[in-house]
Amino acid sequence: MKKLLVLLLVLAGIYHFQGSNISKGFNDGFNNVVAEQNASTQSHQSAQERELQRTLQRIRSNGPFPYDRDGITFQNRERLLPSKPNGYYREYTVDTPGLSHRGPRRVVTGGNPPVVFYYTEDHYRSFRTISGAP
């Protein structure tokens, strides 16, 4: 019985020291995967952010705009933005990296010259105000 108890204690000690190394290796691997995913997401987001900034710069400079429909009146048919007279809102395309067409992303401005800026990434289903825009 004593031998069995000693054997169990030895095995528990080995497991404790080896287990902590195994756990550390697992955690390190997991942390590396999470870091790689975050870096990938950040680089993707930064590409989208750059396109948004390019669109805002074009609006500031009054063009040139890459799409014929940039600058047309946005009708606010969804009624998600504050109600304003027809012609108050204008829409502009924000290129989406990897797409060969206009995609769903837009900046909608209000006023002439623009005094309020909205961003939609889902083709007018939702909007967020762009803070600090020109």
C-alpha atoms as a PDB file:
ATOM      1  CA  MET A   1       0.000   0.000   0.000  1.00  0.00           C
ATOM      2  CA  LYS A   2       2.859   2.353   0.863  1.00  0.00           C
ATOM      3  CA  LYS A   3       4.486   1.628  -2.493  1.00  0.00           C
ATOM      4  CA  LEU A   4       1.258   2.482  -4.283  1.00  0.00           C
ATOM      5  CA  LEU A   5       0.968   5.739  -2.346  1.00  0.00           C
ATOM      6  CA  VAL A   6       4.589   6.695  -3.140  1.00  0.00           C
ATOM      7  CA  LEU A   7       4.039   5.796  -6.804  1.00  0.00           C
ATOM      8  CA  LEU A   8       0.939   7.992  -6.922  1.00  0.00           C
ATOM      9  CA  LEU A   9       2.818  10.895  -5.304  1.00  0.00           C
ATOM     10  CA  VAL A  10       5.677  10.538  -7.805  1.00  0.00           C
ATOM     11  CA  LEU A  11       3.233  10.424 -10.723  1.00  0.00           C
ATOM     12  CA  ALA A  12       1.369  13.444  -9.354  1.00  0.00           C
ATOM     13  CA  GLY A  13       4.664  15.357  -9.075  1.00  0.00           C
ATOM     14  CA  ILE A  14       5.663  14.453 -12.629  1.00  0.00           C
ATOM     15  CA  TYR A  15       2.222  15.401 -13.915  1.00  0.00           C
ATOM     16  CA  HIS A  16       2.370  18.692 -12.028  1.00  0.00           C
ATOM     17  CA  PHE A  17       5.704  19.732 -13.530  1.00  0.00           C
ATOM     18  CA  GLN A  18       5.029  18.354 -16.997  1.00  0.00           C
ATOM     19  CA  GLY A  19       1.406  19.516 -16.991  1.00  0.00           C
ATOM     20  CA  SER A  20       2.387  23.102 -16.297  1.00  0.00           C
ATOM     21  CA  ASN A  21       4.764  22.996 -19.269  1.00  0.00           C
ATOM     22  CA  ILE A  22       2.086  21.443 -21.459  1.00  0.00           C
ATOM     23  CA  SER A  23      -0.430  24.061 -20.349  1.00  0.00           C
ATOM     24  CA  LYS A  24       2.094  26.827 -20.944  1.00  0.00           C
ATOM     25  CA  GLY A  25       2.785  25.513 -24.442  1.00  0.00           C
ATOM     26  CA  PHE A  26      -0.925  25.288 -25.165  1.00  0.00           C
ATOM     27  CA  ASN A  27      -1.559  28.791 -23.826  1.00  0.00           C
ATOM     28  CA  ASP A  28       1.371  30.227 -25.794  1.00  0.00           C
ATOM     29  CA  GLY A  29       0.065  28.603 -28.967  1.00  0.00           C
ATOM     30  CA  PHE A  30      -3.448  29.861 -28.296  1.00  0.00           C
ATOM     31  CA  ASN A  31      -2.177  33.393 -27.603  1.00  0.00           C
ATOM     32  CA  ASN A  32      -0.176  33.342 -30.855  1.00  0.00           C
ATOM     33  CA  VAL A  33      -3.268  32.317 -32.850  1.00  0.00           C
ATOM     34  CA  VAL A  34      -5.350  35.068 -31.215  1.00  0.00           C
ATOM     35  CA  ALA A  35      -2.607  37.639 -31.906  1.00  0.00           C
ATOM     36  CA  GLU A  36      -2.422  36.566 -35.568  1.00  0.00           C
ATOM     37  CA  GLN A  37      -6.204  36.826 -35.923  1.00  0.00           C
ATOM     38  CA  ASN A  38      -6.192  40.291 -34.320  1.00  0.00           C
ATOM     39  CA  ALA A  39      -3.397  41.458 -36.621  1.00  0.00           C
ATOM     40  CA  SER A  40      -5.317  40.156 -39.633  1.00  0.00           C
ATOM     41  CA  THR A  41      -8.498  41.909 -38.500  1.00  0.00           C
ATOM     42  CA  GLN A  42      -6.636  45.140 -37.805  1.00  0.00           C
ATOM     43  CA  SER A  43      -4.964  45.172 -41.220  1.00  0.00           C
ATOM     44  CA  HIS A  44      -8.346  44.519 -42.870  1.00  0.00           C
ATOM     45  CA  GLN A  45      -9.960  47.286 -40.861  1.00  0.00           C
ATOM     46  CA  SER A  46      -7.139  49.670 -41.587  1.00  0.00           C
ATOM     47  CA  ALA A  47      -7.614  49.114 -45.336  1.00  0.00           C
ATOM     48  CA  GLN A  48     -11.294  49.963 -44.940  1.00  0.00           C
ATOM     49  CA  GLU A  49     -10.419  52.947 -42.796  1.00  0.00           C
ATOM     50  CA  ARG A  50      -8.015  54.200 -45.478  1.00  0.00           C
ATOM     51  CA  GLU A  51     -10.770  53.988 -48.093  1.00  0.00           C
ATOM     52  CA  LEU A  52     -13.124  55.906 -45.808  1.00  0.00           C
ATOM     53  CA  GLN A  53     -10.474  58.602 -45.323  1.00  0.00           C
ATOM     54  CA  ARG A  54      -9.932  58.805 -49.108  1.00  0.00           C
ATOM     55  CA  THR A  55     -13.656  59.327 -49.629  1.00  0.00           C
ATOM     56  CA  LEU A  56     -13.773  62.043 -46.969  1.00  0.00           C
ATOM     57  CA  GLN A  57     -10.785  63.752 -48.614  1.00  0.00           C
ATOM     58  CA  ARG A  58     -12.565  63.683 -51.995  1.00  0.00           C
ATOM     59  CA  ILE A  59     -15.634  65.233 -50.388  1.00  0.00           C
ATOM     60  CA  ARG A  60     -13.454  67.964 -48.805  1.00  0.00           C
ATOM     61  CA  SER A  61     -11.857  68.648 -52.193  1.00  0.00           C
ATOM     62  CA  ASN A  62     -15.170  68.422 -54.065  1.00  0.00           C
ATOM     63  CA  GLY A  63     -13.820  65.543 -56.156  1.00  0.00           C
ATOM     64  CA  PRO A  64     -12.826  64.103 -58.419  1.00  0.00           C
ATOM     65  CA  PHE A  65     -15.053  61.157 -57.602  1.00  0.00           C
ATOM     66  CA  PRO A  66     -14.491  57.689 -59.071  1.00  0.00           C
ATOM     67  CA  TYR A  67     -18.184  56.837 -59.573  1.00  0.00           C
ATOM     68  CA  ASP A  68     -20.847  58.677 -61.587  1.00  0.00           C
ATOM     69  CA  ARG A  69     -23.328  58.326 -58.740  1.00  0.00           C
ATOM     70  CA  ASP A  70     -21.062  59.962 -56.151  1.00  0.00           C
ATOM     71  CA  GLY A  71     -22.632  63.223 -54.999  1.00  0.00           C
ATOM     72  CA  ILE A  72     -26.199  62.369 -55.997  1.00  0.00           C
ATOM     73  CA  THR A  73     -29.068  63.217 -53.691  1.00  0.00           C
ATOM     74  CA  PHE A  74     -29.681  60.656 -50.977  1.00  0.00           C
ATOM     75  CA  GLN A  75     -33.434  60.344 -50.531  1.00  0.00           C
ATOM     76  CA  ASN A  76     -33.442  58.949 -46.963  1.00  0.00           C
ATOM     77  CA  ARG A  77     -36.229  56.549 -47.929  1.00  0.00           C
ATOM     78  CA  GLU A  78     -35.307  54.346 -44.977  1.00  0.00           C
ATOM     79  CA  ARG A  79     -36.011  57.310 -42.681  1.00  0.00           C
ATOM     80  CA  LEU A  80     -33.036  56.394 -40.492  1.00  0.00           C
ATOM     81  CA  LEU A  81     -31.518  59.873 -40.696  1.00  0.00           C
ATOM     82  CA  PRO A  82     -33.210  63.033 -39.380  1.00  0.00           C
ATOM     83  CA  SER A  83     -35.964  64.298 -41.653  1.00  0.00           C
ATOM     84  CA  LYS A  84     -34.680  67.118 -43.869  1.00  0.00           C
ATOM     85  CA  PRO A  85     -35.824  68.762 -47.117  1.00  0.00           C
ATOM     86  CA  ASN A  86     -35.167  66.905 -50.388  1.00  0.00           C
ATOM     87  CA  GLY A  87     -31.632  67.590 -51.585  1.00  0.00           C
ATOM     88  CA  TYR A  88     -30.171  68.052 -48.094  1.00  0.00           C
ATOM     89  CA  TYR A  89     -28.363  64.690 -48.130  1.00  0.00           C
ATOM     90  CA  ARG A  90     -25.715  63.543 -50.647  1.00  0.00           C
ATOM     91  CA  GLU A  91     -24.151  60.104 -50.934  1.00  0.00           C
ATOM     92  CA  TYR A  92     -20.625  59.009 -51.817  1.00  0.00           C
ATOM     93  CA  THR A  93     -19.108  55.568 -52.386  1.00  0.00           C
ATOM     94  CA  VAL A  94     -16.491  54.192 -50.007  1.00  0.00           C
ATOM     95  CA  ASP A  95     -14.532  51.560 -51.901  1.00  0.00           C
ATOM     96  CA  THR A  96     -14.410  48.124 -50.307  1.00  0.00           C
ATOM     97  CA  PRO A  97     -11.028  46.427 -50.716  1.00  0.00           C
ATOM     98  CA  GLY A  98     -11.339  43.266 -52.791  1.00  0.00           C
ATOM     99  CA  LEU A  99     -14.605  44.160 -54.561  1.00  0.00           C
ATOM    100  CA  SER A 100     -14.773  45.017 -58.244  1.00  0.00           C
ATOM    101  CA  HIS A 101     -18.008  47.023 -57.866  1.00  0.00           C
ATOM    102  CA  ARG A 102     -19.184  49.906 -55.673  1.00  0.00           C
ATOM    103  CA  GLY A 103     -20.096  47.662 -52.784  1.00  0.00           C
ATOM    104  CA  PRO A 104     -22.369  48.578 -49.867  1.00  0.00           C
ATOM    105  CA  ARG A 105     -20.311  51.230 -48.071  1.00  0.00           C
ATOM    106  CA  ARG A 106     -21.281  54.904 -48.318  1.00  0.00           C
ATOM    107  CA  VAL A 107     -20.748  58.271 -46.724  1.00  0.00           C
ATOM    108  CA  VAL A 108     -23.886  60.388 -46.590  1.00  0.00           C
ATOM    109  CA  THR A 109     -23.418  64.087 -45.989  1.00  0.00           C
ATOM    110  CA  GLY A 110     -25.974  66.623 -44.868  1.00  0.00           C
ATOM    111  CA  GLY A 111     -25.987  70.292 -45.807  1.00  0.00           C
ATOM    112  CA  ASN A 112     -24.318  72.348 -48.503  1.00  0.00           C
ATOM    113  CA  PRO A 113     -21.513  72.692 -47.608  1.00  0.00           C
ATOM    114  CA  PRO A 114     -21.702  69.481 -45.557  1.00  0.00           C
ATOM    115  CA  VAL A 115     -22.150  69.964 -41.832  1.00  0.00           C
ATOM    116  CA  VAL A 116     -22.924  66.371 -40.816  1.00  0.00           C
ATOM    117  CA  PHE A 117     -21.437  63.095 -42.024  1.00  0.00           C
ATOM    118  CA  TYR A 118     -22.846  59.574 -41.717  1.00  0.00           C
ATOM    119  CA  TYR A 119     -21.295  56.230 -42.581  1.00  0.00           C
ATOM    120  CA  THR A 120     -23.097  53.037 -43.596  1.00  0.00           C
ATOM    121  CA  GLU A 121     -21.345  49.765 -44.269  1.00  0.00           C
ATOM    122  CA  ASP A 122     -24.525  47.811 -45.013  1.00  0.00           C
ATOM    123  CA  HIS A 123     -26.086  49.853 -47.835  1.00  0.00           C
ATOM    124  CA  TYR A 124     -28.347  52.107 -45.766  1.00  0.00           C
ATOM    125  CA  ARG A 125     -29.605  49.518 -43.236  1.00  0.00           C
ATOM    126  CA  SER A 126     -27.781  51.350 -40.455  1.00  0.00           C
ATOM    127  CA  PHE A 127     -25.770  54.538 -40.023  1.00  0.00           C
ATOM    128  CA  ARG A 128     -23.271  55.955 -37.601  1.00  0.00           C
ATOM    129  CA  THR A 129     -22.208  59.571 -37.301  1.00  0.00           C
ATOM    130  CA  ILE A 130     -18.638  60.257 -38.342  1.00  0.00           C
ATOM    131  CA  SER A 131     -17.135  62.375 -35.571  1.00  0.00           C
ATOM    132  CA  GLY A 132     -14.568  64.968 -36.449  1.00  0.00           C
ATOM    133  CA  ALA A 133     -15.265  64.799 -40.178  1.00  0.00           C
ATOM    134  CA  PRO A 134     -14.481  67.942 -42.180  1.00  0.00           C
END
